[in-house]
Amino acid sequence: MVVEAEIVKLRKFQEFLRTDDKLVFQDLLNQCKLYAPYASTMVSTIKEVPLLFSMLFGQHKKIIELEKKILMLETLATKTETTVPARAIQGPAEKAEANIVPTNRFPC
């Protein structure tokens, strides 16, 4: 299969990467394998193009998923800021201060 043959070539690049980078590169190759069957329907005289396109597609999909998560977290943070009144946030600290009993054990 073309995908496997090209991945063997790409592994030579992976050999020279640092350990952390090797994991990133392995994830990229996994994206390639995942979407290669779909990309193979592309007509290209350059056999690497479908592989690169499948990698690019996988990365773009991850970016979109992360953008959705960030938007959701920002929305939750905004709702929390607008629904929690300032008094409620300061309430527990004020209660703690009220429970402090001054003592004169050490006269000045």
Protein backbone atom coordinates (compact mmCIF):
# COMPACT_ATOMS: atom_id res chain seq x y z
CA MET A 1 0.00 0.00 0.00
CA VAL A 2 1.25 3.48 -0.84
CA VAL A 3 0.53 4.87 2.63
CA GLU A 4 2.71 2.33 4.41
CA ALA A 5 5.56 2.75 1.94
CA GLU A 6 5.53 6.53 2.40
CA ILE A 7 5.30 6.23 6.18
CA VAL A 8 8.44 4.08 6.14
CA LYS A 9 10.21 6.93 4.36
CA LEU A 10 8.91 9.45 6.90
CA ARG A 11 10.13 7.34 9.83
CA LYS A 12 13.71 8.18 8.85
CA PHE A 13 12.90 11.78 9.75
CA GLN A 14 11.34 10.60 13.03
CA GLU A 15 14.54 8.79 14.08
CA PHE A 16 16.39 12.09 14.49
CA LEU A 17 13.73 13.85 16.55
CA ARG A 18 13.83 14.34 20.31
CA THR A 19 11.64 12.00 22.36
CA ASP A 20 8.82 14.54 22.85
CA ASP A 21 8.88 15.42 19.17
CA LYS A 22 8.76 11.75 18.20
CA LEU A 23 5.42 11.44 20.01
CA VAL A 24 4.06 14.45 18.15
CA PHE A 25 5.28 13.06 14.86
CA GLN A 26 3.72 9.68 15.65
CA ASP A 27 0.39 11.41 16.20
CA LEU A 28 0.77 13.10 12.83
CA LEU A 29 1.41 9.74 11.17
CA ASN A 30 -1.65 8.31 12.92
CA GLN A 31 -3.71 11.14 11.41
CA CYS A 32 -2.26 10.20 8.06
CA LYS A 33 -3.32 6.59 8.44
CA LEU A 34 -6.77 7.56 9.71
CA TYR A 35 -7.71 9.73 6.74
CA ALA A 36 -5.55 8.20 4.01
CA PRO A 37 -8.36 6.03 2.60
CA TYR A 38 -10.42 9.16 1.97
CA ALA A 39 -7.49 11.14 0.64
CA SER A 40 -6.56 8.32 -1.71
CA THR A 41 -9.62 9.22 -3.78
CA MET A 42 -7.77 12.39 -4.80
CA VAL A 43 -6.24 12.30 -8.23
CA SER A 44 -2.66 13.45 -7.92
CA THR A 45 0.49 12.69 -9.85
CA ILE A 46 2.44 13.25 -6.64
CA LYS A 47 1.75 10.32 -4.34
CA GLU A 48 2.62 12.28 -1.18
CA VAL A 49 -0.14 14.85 -1.72
CA PRO A 50 -2.99 12.65 -0.40
CA LEU A 51 -0.89 11.75 2.65
CA LEU A 52 -0.07 15.37 3.40
CA PHE A 53 -3.68 16.36 2.84
CA SER A 54 -4.89 13.70 5.27
CA MET A 55 -2.40 14.96 7.89
CA LEU A 56 -3.50 18.53 7.30
CA PHE A 57 -7.15 17.55 7.56
CA GLY A 58 -6.58 15.71 10.85
CA GLN A 59 -4.76 18.69 12.34
CA HIS A 60 -7.42 21.12 11.17
CA LYS A 61 -10.11 18.95 12.71
CA LYS A 62 -8.27 19.01 16.05
CA ILE A 63 -7.98 22.81 15.86
CA ILE A 64 -11.72 23.16 15.31
CA GLU A 65 -12.45 20.86 18.28
CA LEU A 66 -10.10 22.90 20.51
CA GLU A 67 -11.69 26.16 19.35
CA LYS A 68 -15.12 24.80 20.33
CA LYS A 69 -13.83 23.80 23.78
CA ILE A 70 -12.24 27.22 24.31
CA LEU A 71 -15.46 28.96 23.29
CA MET A 72 -17.45 26.75 25.67
CA LEU A 73 -15.06 27.51 28.55
CA GLU A 74 -15.13 31.24 27.79
CA THR A 75 -18.93 31.14 27.74
CA LEU A 76 -19.04 29.33 31.07
CA ALA A 77 -16.56 31.78 32.60
CA THR A 78 -18.61 34.74 31.36
CA LYS A 79 -21.85 33.26 32.74
CA THR A 80 -20.18 32.62 36.09
CA GLU A 81 -18.90 36.20 36.27
CA THR A 82 -22.29 37.69 35.48
CA THR A 83 -24.42 35.42 37.67
CA VAL A 84 -22.37 35.49 40.88
CA PRO A 85 -22.91 38.79 42.70
CA ALA A 86 -19.91 40.48 44.30
CA ARG A 87 -21.47 40.15 47.78
CA ALA A 88 -21.65 36.38 47.44
CA ILE A 89 -17.97 36.21 46.59
CA GLN A 90 -17.00 38.41 49.56
CA GLY A 91 -19.48 36.82 51.96
CA PRO A 92 -17.35 33.93 53.30
CA ALA A 93 -14.37 36.19 53.96
CA GLU A 94 -16.55 38.65 55.88
CA LYS A 95 -17.99 35.78 57.94
CA ALA A 96 -14.50 34.53 58.76
CA GLU A 97 -13.46 38.01 59.92
CA ALA A 98 -16.57 38.30 62.09
CA ASN A 99 -15.68 35.07 63.89
CA ILE A 100 -12.24 36.33 64.91
CA VAL A 101 -12.29 37.19 68.59
CA PRO A 102 -9.65 39.70 69.63
CA THR A 103 -7.67 38.70 72.67
CA ASN A 104 -5.43 40.75 74.89
CA ARG A 105 -3.15 37.94 75.95
CA PHE A 106 -0.07 39.99 75.19
CA PRO A 107 -0.48 43.52 76.50
CA CYS A 108 1.65 46.14 74.82
